[in-house]
Amino acid sequence: MTLSPELIDELNTLLLYNVTDPQEGIKVHKEAGPAKIAAAQRLHDKGLVTQPDGGYLTILGREAAEHLHMAHTILTTG
């Protein structure tokens, strides 16, 4: 199994969220580029974020982001 470029874009977008503060969201601006804009839209379509351009994490999105942050920490800590 490999990760597609689209999935990597989605994962990178989820890593932008601060999982310790549910009141902190993100906004993917039009200048961000088509790949990042599309990733935010796909996360919204999957029910992970509240807005097509980011917004806040949903309950499912928060759980996914927490796991992703943990995996990222494990894999990048020496």
PDB file of N, CA and C in Angstrom:
ATOM      1  N   MET A   1       0.849  -1.178   0.000  1.00  0.00           N
ATOM      2  CA  MET A   1       0.000   0.000   0.000  1.00  0.00           C
ATOM      3  C   MET A   1       0.889   1.234   0.000  1.00  0.00           C
ATOM      4  N   THR A   2       0.571   2.171  -0.854  1.00  0.00           N
ATOM      5  CA  THR A   2       1.297   3.433  -0.901  1.00  0.00           C
ATOM      6  C   THR A   2       0.324   4.592  -0.699  1.00  0.00           C
ATOM      7  N   LEU A   3       0.879   5.722  -0.382  1.00  0.00           N
ATOM      8  CA  LEU A   3       0.058   6.915  -0.187  1.00  0.00           C
ATOM      9  C   LEU A   3       0.082   7.747  -1.459  1.00  0.00           C
ATOM     10  N   SER A   4      -1.097   8.064  -1.958  1.00  0.00           N
ATOM     11  CA  SER A   4      -1.203   8.887  -3.161  1.00  0.00           C
ATOM     12  C   SER A   4      -0.823  10.330  -2.817  1.00  0.00           C
ATOM     13  N   PRO A   5      -0.431  11.112  -3.798  1.00  0.00           N
ATOM     14  CA  PRO A   5      -0.151  12.532  -3.538  1.00  0.00           C
ATOM     15  C   PRO A   5      -1.360  13.266  -2.943  1.00  0.00           C
ATOM     16  N   GLU A   6      -2.560  12.878  -3.350  1.00  0.00           N
ATOM     17  CA  GLU A   6      -3.774  13.512  -2.820  1.00  0.00           C
ATOM     18  C   GLU A   6      -3.936  13.214  -1.334  1.00  0.00           C
ATOM     19  N   LEU A   7      -3.686  11.959  -0.947  1.00  0.00           N
ATOM     20  CA  LEU A   7      -3.802  11.581   0.460  1.00  0.00           C
ATOM     21  C   LEU A   7      -2.726  12.281   1.286  1.00  0.00           C
ATOM     22  N   ILE A   8      -1.532  12.392   0.748  1.00  0.00           N
ATOM     23  CA  ILE A   8      -0.468  13.103   1.453  1.00  0.00           C
ATOM     24  C   ILE A   8      -0.855  14.561   1.663  1.00  0.00           C
ATOM     25  N   ASP A   9      -1.471  15.184   0.675  1.00  0.00           N
ATOM     26  CA  ASP A   9      -1.950  16.557   0.833  1.00  0.00           C
ATOM     27  C   ASP A   9      -2.990  16.651   1.948  1.00  0.00           C
ATOM     28  N   GLU A  10      -3.874  15.671   2.028  1.00  0.00           N
ATOM     29  CA  GLU A  10      -4.881  15.666   3.086  1.00  0.00           C
ATOM     30  C   GLU A  10      -4.231  15.497   4.458  1.00  0.00           C
ATOM     31  N   LEU A  11      -3.268  14.597   4.552  1.00  0.00           N
ATOM     32  CA  LEU A  11      -2.575  14.378   5.817  1.00  0.00           C
ATOM     33  C   LEU A  11      -1.821  15.633   6.246  1.00  0.00           C
ATOM     34  N   ASN A  12      -1.151  16.277   5.310  1.00  0.00           N
ATOM     35  CA  ASN A  12      -0.442  17.514   5.628  1.00  0.00           C
ATOM     36  C   ASN A  12      -1.402  18.604   6.087  1.00  0.00           C
ATOM     37  N   THR A  13      -2.577  18.648   5.510  1.00  0.00           N
ATOM     38  CA  THR A  13      -3.580  19.628   5.938  1.00  0.00           C
ATOM     39  C   THR A  13      -4.033  19.329   7.358  1.00  0.00           C
ATOM     40  N   LEU A  14      -4.271  18.072   7.677  1.00  0.00           N
ATOM     41  CA  LEU A  14      -4.670  17.704   9.040  1.00  0.00           C
ATOM     42  C   LEU A  14      -3.585  18.049  10.050  1.00  0.00           C
ATOM     43  N   LEU A  15      -2.322  17.954   9.642  1.00  0.00           N
ATOM     44  CA  LEU A  15      -1.227  18.286  10.554  1.00  0.00           C
ATOM     45  C   LEU A  15      -1.176  19.772  10.885  1.00  0.00           C
ATOM     46  N   LEU A  16      -1.851  20.604  10.115  1.00  0.00           N
ATOM     47  CA  LEU A  16      -1.889  22.038  10.396  1.00  0.00           C
ATOM     48  C   LEU A  16      -2.758  22.371  11.607  1.00  0.00           C
ATOM     49  N   TYR A  17      -3.662  21.463  11.958  1.00  0.00           N
ATOM     50  CA  TYR A  17      -4.581  21.725  13.063  1.00  0.00           C
ATOM     51  C   TYR A  17      -3.893  21.541  14.410  1.00  0.00           C
ATOM     52  N   ASN A  18      -4.224  22.420  15.339  1.00  0.00           N
ATOM     53  CA  ASN A  18      -3.760  22.314  16.715  1.00  0.00           C
ATOM     54  C   ASN A  18      -4.764  21.437  17.459  1.00  0.00           C
ATOM     55  N   VAL A  19      -4.396  20.182  17.715  1.00  0.00           N
ATOM     56  CA  VAL A  19      -5.346  19.252  18.328  1.00  0.00           C
ATOM     57  C   VAL A  19      -5.541  19.512  19.818  1.00  0.00           C
ATOM     58  N   THR A  20      -4.710  20.365  20.412  1.00  0.00           N
ATOM     59  CA  THR A  20      -4.879  20.663  21.834  1.00  0.00           C
ATOM     60  C   THR A  20      -5.887  21.779  22.075  1.00  0.00           C
ATOM     61  N   ASP A  21      -6.296  22.475  21.009  1.00  0.00           N
ATOM     62  CA  ASP A  21      -7.266  23.564  21.148  1.00  0.00           C
ATOM     63  C   ASP A  21      -8.370  23.416  20.096  1.00  0.00           C
ATOM     64  N   PRO A  22      -9.511  22.837  20.481  1.00  0.00           N
ATOM     65  CA  PRO A  22     -10.590  22.624  19.512  1.00  0.00           C
ATOM     66  C   PRO A  22     -11.214  23.920  18.983  1.00  0.00           C
ATOM     67  N   GLN A  23     -10.924  25.045  19.626  1.00  0.00           N
ATOM     68  CA  GLN A  23     -11.458  26.334  19.182  1.00  0.00           C
ATOM     69  C   GLN A  23     -10.582  26.986  18.114  1.00  0.00           C
ATOM     70  N   GLU A  24      -9.471  26.324  17.773  1.00  0.00           N
ATOM     71  CA  GLU A  24      -8.556  26.874  16.779  1.00  0.00           C
ATOM     72  C   GLU A  24      -8.730  26.126  15.468  1.00  0.00           C
ATOM     73  N   GLY A  25      -9.125  26.830  14.436  1.00  0.00           N
ATOM     74  CA  GLY A  25      -9.306  26.227  13.125  1.00  0.00           C
ATOM     75  C   GLY A  25      -8.269  26.727  12.146  1.00  0.00           C
ATOM     76  N   ILE A  26      -8.447  26.393  10.881  1.00  0.00           N
ATOM     77  CA  ILE A  26      -7.566  26.886   9.832  1.00  0.00           C
ATOM     78  C   ILE A  26      -8.413  27.398   8.671  1.00  0.00           C
ATOM     79  N   LYS A  27      -7.793  28.188   7.833  1.00  0.00           N
ATOM     80  CA  LYS A  27      -8.439  28.686   6.617  1.00  0.00           C
ATOM     81  C   LYS A  27      -7.457  28.478   5.478  1.00  0.00           C
ATOM     82  N   VAL A  28      -7.871  27.717   4.475  1.00  0.00           N
ATOM     83  CA  VAL A  28      -7.046  27.508   3.289  1.00  0.00           C
ATOM     84  C   VAL A  28      -7.467  28.581   2.283  1.00  0.00           C
ATOM     85  N   HIS A  29      -6.591  29.533   2.070  1.00  0.00           N
ATOM     86  CA  HIS A  29      -6.882  30.653   1.185  1.00  0.00           C
ATOM     87  C   HIS A  29      -6.739  30.254  -0.285  1.00  0.00           C
ATOM     88  N   LYS A  30      -7.328  31.023  -1.152  1.00  0.00           N
ATOM     89  CA  LYS A  30      -7.269  30.757  -2.594  1.00  0.00           C
ATOM     90  C   LYS A  30      -5.841  30.772  -3.119  1.00  0.00           C
ATOM     91  N   GLU A  31      -4.965  31.498  -2.464  1.00  0.00           N
ATOM     92  CA  GLU A  31      -3.573  31.574  -2.877  1.00  0.00           C
ATOM     93  C   GLU A  31      -2.777  30.326  -2.497  1.00  0.00           C
ATOM     94  N   ALA A  32      -3.377  29.425  -1.745  1.00  0.00           N
ATOM     95  CA  ALA A  32      -2.668  28.240  -1.252  1.00  0.00           C
ATOM     96  C   ALA A  32      -2.288  27.284  -2.370  1.00  0.00           C
ATOM     97  N   GLY A  33      -2.948  27.359  -3.478  1.00  0.00           N
ATOM     98  CA  GLY A  33      -2.662  26.462  -4.588  1.00  0.00           C
ATOM     99  C   GLY A  33      -3.736  25.403  -4.725  1.00  0.00           C
ATOM    100  N   PRO A  34      -3.900  24.884  -5.937  1.00  0.00           N
ATOM    101  CA  PRO A  34      -4.992  23.953  -6.207  1.00  0.00           C
ATOM    102  C   PRO A  34      -4.940  22.660  -5.399  1.00  0.00           C
ATOM    103  N   ALA A  35      -3.749  22.121  -5.152  1.00  0.00           N
ATOM    104  CA  ALA A  35      -3.646  20.853  -4.423  1.00  0.00           C
ATOM    105  C   ALA A  35      -4.106  21.012  -2.976  1.00  0.00           C
ATOM    106  N   LYS A  36      -3.710  22.097  -2.332  1.00  0.00           N
ATOM    107  CA  LYS A  36      -4.099  22.327  -0.936  1.00  0.00           C
ATOM    108  C   LYS A  36      -5.578  22.658  -0.825  1.00  0.00           C
ATOM    109  N   ILE A  37      -6.080  23.425  -1.774  1.00  0.00           N
ATOM    110  CA  ILE A  37      -7.506  23.758  -1.774  1.00  0.00           C
ATOM    111  C   ILE A  37      -8.337  22.487  -1.957  1.00  0.00           C
ATOM    112  N   ALA A  38      -7.916  21.641  -2.884  1.00  0.00           N
ATOM    113  CA  ALA A  38      -8.634  20.382  -3.138  1.00  0.00           C
ATOM    114  C   ALA A  38      -8.558  19.461  -1.931  1.00  0.00           C
ATOM    115  N   ALA A  39      -7.420  19.438  -1.243  1.00  0.00           N
ATOM    116  CA  ALA A  39      -7.277  18.584  -0.052  1.00  0.00           C
ATOM    117  C   ALA A  39      -8.266  19.015   1.023  1.00  0.00           C
ATOM    118  N   ALA A  40      -8.403  20.323   1.245  1.00  0.00           N
ATOM    119  CA  ALA A  40      -9.358  20.816   2.242  1.00  0.00           C
ATOM    120  C   ALA A  40     -10.785  20.441   1.852  1.00  0.00           C
ATOM    121  N   GLN A  41     -11.110  20.551   0.582  1.00  0.00           N
ATOM    122  CA  GLN A  41     -12.442  20.178   0.113  1.00  0.00           C
ATOM    123  C   GLN A  41     -12.700  18.689   0.345  1.00  0.00           C
ATOM    124  N   ARG A  42     -11.717  17.843   0.057  1.00  0.00           N
ATOM    125  CA  ARG A  42     -11.896  16.395   0.264  1.00  0.00           C
ATOM    126  C   ARG A  42     -12.068  16.065   1.744  1.00  0.00           C
ATOM    127  N   LEU A  43     -11.328  16.752   2.613  1.00  0.00           N
ATOM    128  CA  LEU A  43     -11.495  16.526   4.051  1.00  0.00           C
ATOM    129  C   LEU A  43     -12.902  16.918   4.485  1.00  0.00           C
ATOM    130  N   HIS A  44     -13.417  17.981   3.909  1.00  0.00           N
ATOM    131  CA  HIS A  44     -14.798  18.398   4.207  1.00  0.00           C
ATOM    132  C   HIS A  44     -15.784  17.349   3.688  1.00  0.00           C
ATOM    133  N   ASP A  45     -15.567  16.876   2.474  1.00  0.00           N
ATOM    134  CA  ASP A  45     -16.448  15.853   1.888  1.00  0.00           C
ATOM    135  C   ASP A  45     -16.462  14.572   2.722  1.00  0.00           C
ATOM    136  N   LYS A  46     -15.349  14.281   3.370  1.00  0.00           N
ATOM    137  CA  LYS A  46     -15.230  13.073   4.202  1.00  0.00           C
ATOM    138  C   LYS A  46     -15.749  13.296   5.622  1.00  0.00           C
ATOM    139  N   GLY A  47     -16.165  14.519   5.927  1.00  0.00           N
ATOM    140  CA  GLY A  47     -16.716  14.813   7.246  1.00  0.00           C
ATOM    141  C   GLY A  47     -15.674  15.044   8.320  1.00  0.00           C
ATOM    142  N   LEU A  48     -14.445  15.403   7.928  1.00  0.00           N
ATOM    143  CA  LEU A  48     -13.386  15.608   8.908  1.00  0.00           C
ATOM    144  C   LEU A  48     -13.242  17.062   9.338  1.00  0.00           C
ATOM    145  N   VAL A  49     -13.672  17.989   8.480  1.00  0.00           N
ATOM    146  CA  VAL A  49     -13.613  19.417   8.818  1.00  0.00           C
ATOM    147  C   VAL A  49     -14.960  20.058   8.511  1.00  0.00           C
ATOM    148  N   THR A  50     -15.199  21.198   9.145  1.00  0.00           N
ATOM    149  CA  THR A  50     -16.530  21.805   9.070  1.00  0.00           C
ATOM    150  C   THR A  50     -16.774  22.645   7.832  1.00  0.00           C
ATOM    151  N   GLN A  51     -15.721  23.087   7.149  1.00  0.00           N
ATOM    152  CA  GLN A  51     -15.881  23.964   5.996  1.00  0.00           C
ATOM    153  C   GLN A  51     -15.048  23.457   4.822  1.00  0.00           C
ATOM    154  N   PRO A  52     -15.464  23.732   3.595  1.00  0.00           N
ATOM    155  CA  PRO A  52     -14.693  23.300   2.427  1.00  0.00           C
ATOM    156  C   PRO A  52     -13.299  23.920   2.349  1.00  0.00           C
ATOM    157  N   ASP A  53     -13.098  25.037   3.059  1.00  0.00           N
ATOM    158  CA  ASP A  53     -11.777  25.676   3.068  1.00  0.00           C
ATOM    159  C   ASP A  53     -11.085  25.522   4.423  1.00  0.00           C
ATOM    160  N   GLY A  54     -11.454  24.496   5.160  1.00  0.00           N
ATOM    161  CA  GLY A  54     -10.824  24.225   6.454  1.00  0.00           C
ATOM    162  C   GLY A  54     -11.823  24.295   7.589  1.00  0.00           C
ATOM    163  N   GLY A  55     -11.851  25.427   8.265  1.00  0.00           N
ATOM    164  CA  GLY A  55     -12.758  25.553   9.403  1.00  0.00           C
ATOM    165  C   GLY A  55     -12.204  24.827  10.611  1.00  0.00           C
ATOM    166  N   TYR A  56     -13.090  24.121  11.302  1.00  0.00           N
ATOM    167  CA  TYR A  56     -12.719  23.401  12.517  1.00  0.00           C
ATOM    168  C   TYR A  56     -12.791  21.903  12.257  1.00  0.00           C
ATOM    169  N   LEU A  57     -12.099  21.155  13.099  1.00  0.00           N
ATOM    170  CA  LEU A  57     -12.195  19.703  13.017  1.00  0.00           C
ATOM    171  C   LEU A  57     -13.543  19.241  13.547  1.00  0.00           C
ATOM    172  N   THR A  58     -14.128  18.262  12.900  1.00  0.00           N
ATOM    173  CA  THR A  58     -15.313  17.596  13.450  1.00  0.00           C
ATOM    174  C   THR A  58     -14.821  16.598  14.498  1.00  0.00           C
ATOM    175  N   ILE A  59     -15.725  15.920  15.145  1.00  0.00           N
ATOM    176  CA  ILE A  59     -15.319  14.900  16.125  1.00  0.00           C
ATOM    177  C   ILE A  59     -14.462  13.839  15.445  1.00  0.00           C
ATOM    178  N   LEU A  60     -14.895  13.370  14.284  1.00  0.00           N
ATOM    179  CA  LEU A  60     -14.122  12.374  13.541  1.00  0.00           C
ATOM    180  C   LEU A  60     -12.781  12.954  13.095  1.00  0.00           C
ATOM    181  N   GLY A  61     -12.783  14.191  12.640  1.00  0.00           N
ATOM    182  CA  GLY A  61     -11.561  14.844  12.209  1.00  0.00           C
ATOM    183  C   GLY A  61     -10.570  15.023  13.343  1.00  0.00           C
ATOM    184  N   ARG A  62     -11.080  15.358  14.505  1.00  0.00           N
ATOM    185  CA  ARG A  62     -10.209  15.517  15.674  1.00  0.00           C
ATOM    186  C   ARG A  62      -9.539  14.194  16.024  1.00  0.00           C
ATOM    187  N   GLU A  63     -10.305  13.129  16.000  1.00  0.00           N
ATOM    188  CA  GLU A  63      -9.737  11.810  16.297  1.00  0.00           C
ATOM    189  C   GLU A  63      -8.663  11.441  15.268  1.00  0.00           C
ATOM    190  N   ALA A  64      -8.954  11.676  14.002  1.00  0.00           N
ATOM    191  CA  ALA A  64      -7.985  11.367  12.949  1.00  0.00           C
ATOM    192  C   ALA A  64      -6.728  12.220  13.113  1.00  0.00           C
ATOM    193  N   ALA A  65      -6.911  13.514  13.394  1.00  0.00           N
ATOM    194  CA  ALA A  65      -5.772  14.415  13.545  1.00  0.00           C
ATOM    195  C   ALA A  65      -4.926  14.047  14.761  1.00  0.00           C
ATOM    196  N   GLU A  66      -5.574  13.659  15.851  1.00  0.00           N
ATOM    197  CA  GLU A  66      -4.824  13.242  17.041  1.00  0.00           C
ATOM    198  C   GLU A  66      -3.955  12.025  16.733  1.00  0.00           C
ATOM    199  N   HIS A  67      -4.516  11.033  16.058  1.00  0.00           N
ATOM    200  CA  HIS A  67      -3.740   9.843  15.688  1.00  0.00           C
ATOM    201  C   HIS A  67      -2.604  10.206  14.736  1.00  0.00           C
ATOM    202  N   LEU A  68      -2.899  11.068  13.790  1.00  0.00           N
ATOM    203  CA  LEU A  68      -1.887  11.485  12.824  1.00  0.00           C
ATOM    204  C   LEU A  68      -0.752  12.241  13.509  1.00  0.00           C
ATOM    205  N   HIS A  69      -1.085  13.156  14.410  1.00  0.00           N
ATOM    206  CA  HIS A  69      -0.056  13.891  15.140  1.00  0.00           C
ATOM    207  C   HIS A  69       0.805  12.933  15.955  1.00  0.00           C
ATOM    208  N   MET A  70       0.170  11.943  16.577  1.00  0.00           N
ATOM    209  CA  MET A  70       0.919  10.974  17.368  1.00  0.00           C
ATOM    210  C   MET A  70       1.861  10.168  16.474  1.00  0.00           C
ATOM    211  N   ALA A  71       1.374   9.697  15.340  1.00  0.00           N
ATOM    212  CA  ALA A  71       2.215   8.932  14.408  1.00  0.00           C
ATOM    213  C   ALA A  71       3.368   9.805  13.911  1.00  0.00           C
ATOM    214  N   HIS A  72       3.083  11.048  13.600  1.00  0.00           N
ATOM    215  CA  HIS A  72       4.121  11.965  13.125  1.00  0.00           C
ATOM    216  C   HIS A  72       5.203  12.146  14.190  1.00  0.00           C
ATOM    217  N   THR A  73       4.781  12.322  15.438  1.00  0.00           N
ATOM    218  CA  THR A  73       5.740  12.482  16.542  1.00  0.00           C
ATOM    219  C   THR A  73       6.601  11.230  16.703  1.00  0.00           C
ATOM    220  N   ILE A  74       5.988  10.073  16.659  1.00  0.00           N
ATOM    221  CA  ILE A  74       6.721   8.814  16.810  1.00  0.00           C
ATOM    222  C   ILE A  74       7.751   8.650  15.692  1.00  0.00           C
ATOM    223  N   LEU A  75       7.343   8.959  14.477  1.00  0.00           N
ATOM    224  CA  LEU A  75       8.218   8.734  13.325  1.00  0.00           C
ATOM    225  C   LEU A  75       9.308   9.800  13.161  1.00  0.00           C
ATOM    226  N   THR A  76       9.132  10.951  13.773  1.00  0.00           N
ATOM    227  CA  THR A  76      10.126  12.015  13.588  1.00  0.00           C
ATOM    228  C   THR A  76      10.977  12.282  14.825  1.00  0.00           C
ATOM    229  N   THR A  77      10.704  11.609  15.916  1.00  0.00           N
ATOM    230  CA  THR A  77      11.484  11.794  17.148  1.00  0.00           C
ATOM    231  C   THR A  77      12.667  10.833  17.128  1.00  0.00           C
ATOM    232  N   GLY A  78      13.820  11.393  17.378  1.00  0.00           N
ATOM    233  CA  GLY A  78      15.046  10.609  17.348  1.00  0.00           C
ATOM    234  C   GLY A  78      15.181   9.751  18.551  1.00  0.00           C
TER     235      GLY A  78
END
